[in-house]
């Protein structure tokens, strides 16, 4: 998914259909924009850069020497497109 903005709209592109484009706004509301409003307008597409905000809980007393390489092994396959 891409994050895009038009002069009056901003959000993550959720779905593009024949007559409408749907965005997810920052407050998790869904914005439906008729495609006729988009045609001919300036579109700012924020591209392919992805960010991941990940929280991992670790129990007190855990062996961090084992935990950190384990996490790195699972996160390594995640690559930017």
Foldseek 3Di string as FASTA:
>chain_A
DWWKDFPVDTACFDDDDDFWTWGQDPVRDIDIDGVVVVPPTDMDIPDQDDDDDDDDDDDPPDDVVVVVVVVCVVCVVDDTD
